[in-house]
Each structure stands twice: as structure tokens, then as C-alpha cells.
PDB file of N, CA and C in Angstrom:
ATOM      1  N   UNK A   1     102.580 107.179  62.708  1.00  0.00           N
ATOM      2  CA  UNK A   1     101.254 107.692  62.442  1.00  0.00           C
ATOM      3  C   UNK A   1     100.241 106.968  63.323  1.00  0.00           C
ATOM      4  N   UNK A   2      99.345 107.706  63.930  1.00  0.00           N
ATOM      5  CA  UNK A   2      98.334 107.127  64.820  1.00  0.00           C
ATOM      6  C   UNK A   2      97.260 106.412  64.007  1.00  0.00           C
ATOM      7  N   UNK A   3      96.728 105.364  64.599  1.00  0.00           N
ATOM      8  CA  UNK A   3      95.649 104.624  63.947  1.00  0.00           C
ATOM      9  C   UNK A   3      94.399 105.498  63.895  1.00  0.00           C
ATOM     10  N   UNK A   4      93.516 105.195  62.989  1.00  0.00           N
ATOM     11  CA  UNK A   4      92.279 105.957  62.851  1.00  0.00           C
ATOM     12  C   UNK A   4      91.494 105.929  64.158  1.00  0.00           C
ATOM     13  N   UNK A   5      91.020 107.089  64.588  1.00  0.00           N
ATOM     14  CA  UNK A   5      90.235 107.169  65.801  1.00  0.00           C
ATOM     15  C   UNK A   5      91.044 107.400  67.062  1.00  0.00           C
ATOM     16  N   UNK A   6      92.365 107.317  67.000  1.00  0.00           N
ATOM     17  CA  UNK A   6      93.205 107.541  68.167  1.00  0.00           C
ATOM     18  C   UNK A   6      93.801 108.932  68.105  1.00  0.00           C
ATOM     19  N   UNK A   7      93.918 109.561  69.255  1.00  0.00           N
ATOM     20  CA  UNK A   7      94.499 110.887  69.316  1.00  0.00           C
ATOM     21  C   UNK A   7      95.767 110.810  70.150  1.00  0.00           C
ATOM     22  N   UNK A   8      96.810 111.428  69.689  1.00  0.00           N
ATOM     23  CA  UNK A   8      98.084 111.406  70.382  1.00  0.00           C
ATOM     24  C   UNK A   8      98.059 112.218  71.661  1.00  0.00           C
ATOM     25  N   UNK A   9      99.073 112.045  72.487  1.00  0.00           N
ATOM     26  CA  UNK A   9      99.209 112.777  73.731  1.00  0.00           C
ATOM     27  C   UNK A   9      99.357 114.266  73.448  1.00  0.00           C
ATOM     28  N   UNK A  10      98.871 115.080  74.372  1.00  0.00           N
ATOM     29  CA  UNK A  10      98.958 116.524  74.212  1.00  0.00           C
ATOM     30  C   UNK A  10     100.308 117.062  74.678  1.00  0.00           C
ATOM     31  N   UNK A  11     101.101 116.234  75.335  1.00  0.00           N
ATOM     32  CA  UNK A  11     102.400 116.669  75.842  1.00  0.00           C
ATOM     33  C   UNK A  11     103.425 116.759  74.731  1.00  0.00           C
ATOM     34  N   UNK A  12     104.568 117.327  75.068  1.00  0.00           N
ATOM     35  CA  UNK A  12     105.679 117.427  74.108  1.00  0.00           C
ATOM     36  C   UNK A  12     106.346 116.071  73.945  1.00  0.00           C
ATOM     37  N   UNK A  13     107.072 115.919  72.868  1.00  0.00           N
ATOM     38  CA  UNK A  13     107.810 114.699  72.613  1.00  0.00           C
ATOM     39  C   UNK A  13     108.844 114.516  73.722  1.00  0.00           C
ATOM     40  N   UNK A  14     108.931 113.305  74.245  1.00  0.00           N
ATOM     41  CA  UNK A  14     109.876 112.907  75.294  1.00  0.00           C
ATOM     42  C   UNK A  14     109.546 113.511  76.653  1.00  0.00           C
ATOM     43  N   UNK A  15     108.361 114.069  76.846  1.00  0.00           N
ATOM     44  CA  UNK A  15     107.930 114.578  78.147  1.00  0.00           C
ATOM     45  C   UNK A  15     107.086 113.493  78.808  1.00  0.00           C
ATOM     46  N   UNK A  16     107.734 112.621  79.535  1.00  0.00           N
ATOM     47  CA  UNK A  16     107.056 111.452  80.092  1.00  0.00           C
ATOM     48  C   UNK A  16     106.146 111.780  81.263  1.00  0.00           C
ATOM     49  N   UNK A  17     106.313 112.922  81.885  1.00  0.00           N
ATOM     50  CA  UNK A  17     105.553 113.253  83.080  1.00  0.00           C
ATOM     51  C   UNK A  17     104.061 113.320  82.884  1.00  0.00           C
ATOM     52  N   UNK A  18     103.597 113.609  81.669  1.00  0.00           N
ATOM     53  CA  UNK A  18     102.157 113.767  81.468  1.00  0.00           C
ATOM     54  C   UNK A  18     101.387 112.469  81.635  1.00  0.00           C
ATOM     55  N   UNK A  19     101.993 111.342  81.357  1.00  0.00           N
ATOM     56  CA  UNK A  19     101.304 110.058  81.456  1.00  0.00           C
ATOM     57  C   UNK A  19     101.818 109.191  82.601  1.00  0.00           C
ATOM     58  N   UNK A  20     102.810 109.662  83.330  1.00  0.00           N
ATOM     59  CA  UNK A  20     103.463 108.827  84.346  1.00  0.00           C
ATOM     60  C   UNK A  20     102.500 108.374  85.433  1.00  0.00           C
ATOM     61  N   UNK A  21     101.644 109.258  85.917  1.00  0.00           N
ATOM     62  CA  UNK A  21     100.731 108.888  87.007  1.00  0.00           C
ATOM     63  C   UNK A  21      99.733 107.823  86.556  1.00  0.00           C
ATOM     64  N   UNK A  22      99.193 107.991  85.372  1.00  0.00           N
ATOM     65  CA  UNK A  22      98.216 107.026  84.862  1.00  0.00           C
ATOM     66  C   UNK A  22      98.890 105.688  84.572  1.00  0.00           C
ATOM     67  N   UNK A  23     100.070 105.723  83.996  1.00  0.00           N
ATOM     68  CA  UNK A  23     100.785 104.477  83.717  1.00  0.00           C
ATOM     69  C   UNK A  23     101.140 103.754  85.003  1.00  0.00           C
ATOM     70  N   UNK A  24     101.500 104.490  86.044  1.00  0.00           N
ATOM     71  CA  UNK A  24     101.802 103.888  87.335  1.00  0.00           C
ATOM     72  C   UNK A  24     100.559 103.230  87.923  1.00  0.00           C
ATOM     73  N   UNK A  25      99.424 103.922  87.842  1.00  0.00           N
ATOM     74  CA  UNK A  25      98.164 103.362  88.340  1.00  0.00           C
ATOM     75  C   UNK A  25      97.817 102.069  87.609  1.00  0.00           C
ATOM     76  N   UNK A  26      97.883 102.085  86.273  1.00  0.00           N
ATOM     77  CA  UNK A  26      97.527 100.893  85.496  1.00  0.00           C
ATOM     78  C   UNK A  26      98.475  99.737  85.772  1.00  0.00           C
ATOM     79  N   UNK A  27      99.765 100.034  85.965  1.00  0.00           N
ATOM     80  CA  UNK A  27     100.727  98.974  86.271  1.00  0.00           C
ATOM     81  C   UNK A  27     100.407  98.334  87.621  1.00  0.00           C
ATOM     82  N   UNK A  28     100.068  99.168  88.609  1.00  0.00           N
ATOM     83  CA  UNK A  28      99.716  98.658  89.923  1.00  0.00           C
ATOM     84  C   UNK A  28      98.416  97.853  89.870  1.00  0.00           C
ATOM     85  N   UNK A  29      97.430  98.347  89.137  1.00  0.00           N
ATOM     86  CA  UNK A  29      96.170  97.625  88.977  1.00  0.00           C
ATOM     87  C   UNK A  29      96.398  96.272  88.314  1.00  0.00           C
ATOM     88  N   UNK A  30      97.213  96.258  87.280  1.00  0.00           N
ATOM     89  CA  UNK A  30      97.480  95.003  86.581  1.00  0.00           C
ATOM     90  C   UNK A  30      98.184  94.017  87.491  1.00  0.00           C
ATOM     91  N   UNK A  31      99.168  94.494  88.254  1.00  0.00           N
ATOM     92  CA  UNK A  31      99.932  93.611  89.130  1.00  0.00           C
ATOM     93  C   UNK A  31      99.070  93.051  90.257  1.00  0.00           C
ATOM     94  N   UNK A  32      98.162  93.858  90.798  1.00  0.00           N
ATOM     95  CA  UNK A  32      97.399  93.424  91.972  1.00  0.00           C
ATOM     96  C   UNK A  32      96.053  92.790  91.651  1.00  0.00           C
ATOM     97  N   UNK A  33      95.470  93.085  90.505  1.00  0.00           N
ATOM     98  CA  UNK A  33      94.147  92.544  90.182  1.00  0.00           C
ATOM     99  C   UNK A  33      94.173  91.694  88.908  1.00  0.00           C
ATOM    100  N   UNK A  34      94.603  92.271  87.818  1.00  0.00           N
ATOM    101  CA  UNK A  34      94.474  91.598  86.527  1.00  0.00           C
ATOM    102  C   UNK A  34      95.347  90.353  86.406  1.00  0.00           C
ATOM    103  N   UNK A  35      96.572  90.400  86.938  1.00  0.00           N
ATOM    104  CA  UNK A  35      97.470  89.246  86.841  1.00  0.00           C
ATOM    105  C   UNK A  35      97.287  88.263  87.995  1.00  0.00           C
ATOM    106  N   UNK A  36      96.421  88.602  88.937  1.00  0.00           N
ATOM    107  CA  UNK A  36      96.240  87.811  90.137  1.00  0.00           C
ATOM    108  C   UNK A  36      95.577  86.473  89.850  1.00  0.00           C
ATOM    109  N   UNK A  37      94.582  86.489  88.982  1.00  0.00           N
ATOM    110  CA  UNK A  37      93.866  85.252  88.631  1.00  0.00           C
ATOM    111  C   UNK A  37      93.062  85.482  87.363  1.00  0.00           C
ATOM    112  N   UNK A  38      92.452  84.443  86.872  1.00  0.00           N
ATOM    113  CA  UNK A  38      91.588  84.537  85.699  1.00  0.00           C
ATOM    114  C   UNK A  38      90.158  84.780  86.182  1.00  0.00           C
ATOM    115  N   UNK A  39      89.501  85.768  85.625  1.00  0.00           N
ATOM    116  CA  UNK A  39      88.168  86.152  86.064  1.00  0.00           C
ATOM    117  C   UNK A  39      87.117  85.469  85.189  1.00  0.00           C
ATOM    118  N   UNK A  40      86.092  84.886  85.815  1.00  0.00           N
ATOM    119  CA  UNK A  40      85.053  84.151  85.075  1.00  0.00           C
ATOM    120  C   UNK A  40      84.129  85.080  84.296  1.00  0.00           C
ATOM    121  N   UNK A  41      83.809  86.238  84.872  1.00  0.00           N
ATOM    122  CA  UNK A  41      82.896  87.161  84.198  1.00  0.00           C
ATOM    123  C   UNK A  41      83.439  88.587  84.294  1.00  0.00           C
ATOM    124  N   UNK A  42      82.930  89.443  83.422  1.00  0.00           N
ATOM    125  CA  UNK A  42      83.294  90.865  83.488  1.00  0.00           C
ATOM    126  C   UNK A  42      82.790  91.490  84.778  1.00  0.00           C
ATOM    127  N   UNK A  43      81.617  91.058  85.234  1.00  0.00           N
ATOM    128  CA  UNK A  43      81.073  91.594  86.483  1.00  0.00           C
ATOM    129  C   UNK A  43      81.980  91.264  87.669  1.00  0.00           C
ATOM    130  N   UNK A  44      82.503  90.069  87.711  1.00  0.00           N
ATOM    131  CA  UNK A  44      83.412  89.682  88.798  1.00  0.00           C
ATOM    132  C   UNK A  44      84.672  90.539  88.765  1.00  0.00           C
ATOM    133  N   UNK A  45      85.217  90.755  87.579  1.00  0.00           N
ATOM    134  CA  UNK A  45      86.393  91.609  87.431  1.00  0.00           C
ATOM    135  C   UNK A  45      86.066  93.044  87.811  1.00  0.00           C
ATOM    136  N   UNK A  46      84.931  93.535  87.338  1.00  0.00           N
ATOM    137  CA  UNK A  46      84.502  94.899  87.654  1.00  0.00           C
ATOM    138  C   UNK A  46      84.396  95.090  89.166  1.00  0.00           C
ATOM    139  N   UNK A  47      83.745  94.158  89.846  1.00  0.00           N
ATOM    140  CA  UNK A  47      83.599  94.249  91.295  1.00  0.00           C
ATOM    141  C   UNK A  47      84.952  94.223  92.003  1.00  0.00           C
ATOM    142  N   UNK A  48      85.866  93.395  91.530  1.00  0.00           N
ATOM    143  CA  UNK A  48      87.194  93.321  92.134  1.00  0.00           C
ATOM    144  C   UNK A  48      87.956  94.642  91.945  1.00  0.00           C
ATOM    145  N   UNK A  49      87.854  95.239  90.767  1.00  0.00           N
ATOM    146  CA  UNK A  49      88.543  96.512  90.496  1.00  0.00           C
ATOM    147  C   UNK A  49      87.954  97.625  91.354  1.00  0.00           C
ATOM    148  N   UNK A  50      86.634  97.711  91.416  1.00  0.00           N
ATOM    149  CA  UNK A  50      85.986  98.753  92.227  1.00  0.00           C
ATOM    150  C   UNK A  50      86.357  98.582  93.697  1.00  0.00           C
ATOM    151  N   UNK A  51      86.314  97.358  94.193  1.00  0.00           N
ATOM    152  CA  UNK A  51      86.674  97.101  95.589  1.00  0.00           C
ATOM    153  C   UNK A  51      88.115  97.506  95.843  1.00  0.00           C
ATOM    154  N   UNK A  52      89.022  97.136  94.945  1.00  0.00           N
ATOM    155  CA  UNK A  52      90.440  97.470  95.112  1.00  0.00           C
ATOM    156  C   UNK A  52      90.650  98.977  95.139  1.00  0.00           C
ATOM    157  N   UNK A  53      90.008  99.697  94.233  1.00  0.00           N
ATOM    158  CA  UNK A  53      90.168 101.156  94.192  1.00  0.00           C
ATOM    159  C   UNK A  53      89.614 101.788  95.458  1.00  0.00           C
ATOM    160  N   UNK A  54      88.399 101.415  95.844  1.00  0.00           N
ATOM    161  CA  UNK A  54      87.735 102.048  96.981  1.00  0.00           C
ATOM    162  C   UNK A  54      88.318 101.648  98.336  1.00  0.00           C
ATOM    163  N   UNK A  55      88.737 100.397  98.492  1.00  0.00           N
ATOM    164  CA  UNK A  55      89.152  99.915  99.806  1.00  0.00           C
ATOM    165  C   UNK A  55      90.658  99.793  99.978  1.00  0.00           C
ATOM    166  N   UNK A  56      91.416  99.767  98.913  1.00  0.00           N
ATOM    167  CA  UNK A  56      92.864  99.657  99.039  1.00  0.00           C
ATOM    168  C   UNK A  56      93.547 100.909  98.516  1.00  0.00           C
ATOM    169  N   UNK A  57      93.322 101.216  97.256  1.00  0.00           N
ATOM    170  CA  UNK A  57      94.033 102.329  96.631  1.00  0.00           C
ATOM    171  C   UNK A  57      93.688 103.663  97.281  1.00  0.00           C
ATOM    172  N   UNK A  58      92.434 103.961  97.477  1.00  0.00           N
ATOM    173  CA  UNK A  58      92.029 105.265  98.009  1.00  0.00           C
ATOM    174  C   UNK A  58      92.121 105.373  99.529  1.00  0.00           C
ATOM    175  N   UNK A  59      92.151 104.256 100.243  1.00  0.00           N
ATOM    176  CA  UNK A  59      92.132 104.309 101.704  1.00  0.00           C
ATOM    177  C   UNK A  59      93.462 103.958 102.355  1.00  0.00           C
ATOM    178  N   UNK A  60      94.350 103.285 101.655  1.00  0.00           N
ATOM    179  CA  UNK A  60      95.610 102.844 102.271  1.00  0.00           C
ATOM    180  C   UNK A  60      96.848 103.440 101.619  1.00  0.00           C
ATOM    181  N   UNK A  61      96.782 103.745 100.347  1.00  0.00           N
ATOM    182  CA  UNK A  61      97.977 104.183  99.616  1.00  0.00           C
ATOM    183  C   UNK A  61      98.213 105.669  99.840  1.00  0.00           C
ATOM    184  N   UNK A  62      99.289 105.986 100.536  1.00  0.00           N
ATOM    185  CA  UNK A  62      99.649 107.373 100.802  1.00  0.00           C
ATOM    186  C   UNK A  62     100.299 107.974  99.565  1.00  0.00           C
ATOM    187  N   UNK A  63     100.001 109.236  99.305  1.00  0.00           N
ATOM    188  CA  UNK A  63     100.506 109.882  98.095  1.00  0.00           C
ATOM    189  C   UNK A  63     101.267 111.152  98.450  1.00  0.00           C
ATOM    190  N   UNK A  64     102.456 111.244  97.900  1.00  0.00           N
ATOM    191  CA  UNK A  64     103.308 112.408  98.142  1.00  0.00           C
ATOM    192  C   UNK A  64     102.634 113.708  97.730  1.00  0.00           C
ATOM    193  N   UNK A  65     101.933 113.688  96.619  1.00  0.00           N
ATOM    194  CA  UNK A  65     101.276 114.886  96.112  1.00  0.00           C
ATOM    195  C   UNK A  65     100.165 115.398  97.023  1.00  0.00           C
ATOM    196  N   UNK A  66      99.711 114.552  97.947  1.00  0.00           N
ATOM    197  CA  UNK A  66      98.663 114.946  98.891  1.00  0.00           C
ATOM    198  C   UNK A  66      99.228 115.121 100.294  1.00  0.00           C
ATOM    199  N   UNK A  67     100.537 115.362 100.382  1.00  0.00           N
ATOM    200  CA  UNK A  67     101.155 115.552 101.693  1.00  0.00           C
ATOM    201  C   UNK A  67     101.237 114.272 102.495  1.00  0.00           C
ATOM    202  N   UNK A  68     101.471 113.163 101.835  1.00  0.00           N
ATOM    203  CA  UNK A  68     101.542 111.803 102.390  1.00  0.00           C
ATOM    204  C   UNK A  68     100.240 111.350 103.054  1.00  0.00           C
ATOM    205  N   UNK A  69      99.130 111.918 102.619  1.00  0.00           N
ATOM    206  CA  UNK A  69      97.820 111.447 103.059  1.00  0.00           C
ATOM    207  C   UNK A  69      97.254 110.502 102.007  1.00  0.00           C
ATOM    208  N   UNK A  70      96.311 109.670 102.412  1.00  0.00           N
ATOM    209  CA  UNK A  70      95.590 108.874 101.427  1.00  0.00           C
ATOM    210  C   UNK A  70      94.570 109.793 100.761  1.00  0.00           C
ATOM    211  N   UNK A  71      94.057 109.436  99.586  1.00  0.00           N
ATOM    212  CA  UNK A  71      93.034 110.275  98.961  1.00  0.00           C
ATOM    213  C   UNK A  71      91.821 110.512  99.858  1.00  0.00           C
ATOM    214  N   UNK A  72      91.393 109.507 100.605  1.00  0.00           N
ATOM    215  CA  UNK A  72      90.241 109.669 101.495  1.00  0.00           C
ATOM    216  C   UNK A  72      90.577 110.630 102.637  1.00  0.00           C
ATOM    217  N   UNK A  73      91.766 110.492 103.238  1.00  0.00           N
ATOM    218  CA  UNK A  73      92.178 111.403 104.312  1.00  0.00           C
ATOM    219  C   UNK A  73      92.254 112.839 103.805  1.00  0.00           C
ATOM    220  N   UNK A  74      92.795 112.998 102.600  1.00  0.00           N
ATOM    221  CA  UNK A  74      92.913 114.335 102.020  1.00  0.00           C
ATOM    222  C   UNK A  74      91.540 114.951 101.783  1.00  0.00           C
ATOM    223  N   UNK A  75      90.638 114.169 101.232  1.00  0.00           N
ATOM    224  CA  UNK A  75      89.288 114.668 100.961  1.00  0.00           C
ATOM    225  C   UNK A  75      88.588 115.069 102.256  1.00  0.00           C
ATOM    226  N   UNK A  76      88.720 114.263 103.292  1.00  0.00           N
ATOM    227  CA  UNK A  76      88.111 114.600 104.578  1.00  0.00           C
ATOM    228  C   UNK A  76      88.720 115.872 105.167  1.00  0.00           C
ATOM    229  N   UNK A  77      90.018 116.044 105.019  1.00  0.00           N
ATOM    230  CA  UNK A  77      90.684 117.259 105.521  1.00  0.00           C
ATOM    231  C   UNK A  77      90.184 118.491 104.782  1.00  0.00           C
ATOM    232  N   UNK A  78      90.001 118.388 103.469  1.00  0.00           N
ATOM    233  CA  UNK A  78      89.507 119.516 102.682  1.00  0.00           C
ATOM    234  C   UNK A  78      88.064 119.831 103.063  1.00  0.00           C
ATOM    235  N   UNK A  79      87.239 118.816 103.259  1.00  0.00           N
ATOM    236  CA  UNK A  79      85.845 119.028 103.659  1.00  0.00           C
ATOM    237  C   UNK A  79      85.795 119.696 105.037  1.00  0.00           C
ATOM    238  N   UNK A  80      86.630 119.211 105.984  1.00  0.00           N
ATOM    239  CA  UNK A  80      86.669 119.813 107.316  1.00  0.00           C
ATOM    240  C   UNK A  80      87.122 121.269 107.248  1.00  0.00           C
ATOM    241  N   UNK A  81      88.109 121.538 106.412  1.00  0.00           N
ATOM    242  CA  UNK A  81      88.617 122.906 106.257  1.00  0.00           C
ATOM    243  C   UNK A  81      87.544 123.814 105.662  1.00  0.00           C
ATOM    244  N   UNK A  82      86.842 123.320 104.660  1.00  0.00           N
ATOM    245  CA  UNK A  82      85.759 124.108 104.042  1.00  0.00           C
ATOM    246  C   UNK A  82      84.638 124.382 105.053  1.00  0.00           C
ATOM    247  N   UNK A  83      84.315 123.393 105.884  1.00  0.00           N
ATOM    248  CA  UNK A  83      83.272 123.564 106.894  1.00  0.00           C
ATOM    249  C   UNK A  83      83.699 124.600 107.933  1.00  0.00           C
ATOM    250  N   UNK A  84      84.979 124.597 108.296  1.00  0.00           N
ATOM    251  CA  UNK A  84      85.473 125.576 109.269  1.00  0.00           C
ATOM    252  C   UNK A  84      85.422 126.995 108.699  1.00  0.00           C
ATOM    253  N   UNK A  85      85.729 127.134 107.430  1.00  0.00           N
ATOM    254  CA  UNK A  85      85.685 128.451 106.779  1.00  0.00           C
ATOM    255  C   UNK A  85      84.245 128.941 106.682  1.00  0.00           C
ATOM    256  N   UNK A  86      83.327 128.033 106.392  1.00  0.00           N
ATOM    257  CA  UNK A  86      81.919 128.399 106.234  1.00  0.00           C
ATOM    258  C   UNK A  86      81.254 128.768 107.560  1.00  0.00           C
ATOM    259  N   UNK A  87      81.793 128.242 108.658  1.00  0.00           N
ATOM    260  CA  UNK A  87      81.173 128.477 109.983  1.00  0.00           C
ATOM    261  C   UNK A  87      81.458 129.858 110.524  1.00  0.00           C
TER     262      UNK A  87
END
């Protein structure tokens, strides 16, 4: 039984795919940022997480679901494609 205020997953029982991407992201974040050192303030941790997402995760990590492009490369390709269609 779920605790008060918590809502269960919308997926079927034993269908791990619905949470796999998020769990993978959190595991990577924990391994590279949270377990790296002890943070003095929440602001310092917040800045480290934002920097990691913007400068490492989104710019360097290639993703199969995006045709082995990084999220930033994929976004730029979509913007360029939309601009070409609009022209």
C-alpha cells in the first residue's frame, strides 16, 4: 500500500521500461555529483547539478534515442530543419 500523498506508477506491474530512463539519469547524477563530495550549501549543490546537466549531460552524452546525437545537437538539428521548412 502506498503512503499517504504518494501515487503509484501508471505502468503495468513488472513493466520496468516506464521508469528506466529516469532511474538511469538519477543513478548517473548520484554517481557523478551527489557521491562525489559533501556539499556545504544547497546553493552549491544546485549550481553543481545545473552545471553538470547543461555542460556535461546535454552537451557530451550521446543518446541512442536521438540517433546518437547529444540533446543539444538534436535540438539544433530540429531548429535548422524547421527553419529550412519555413523558408
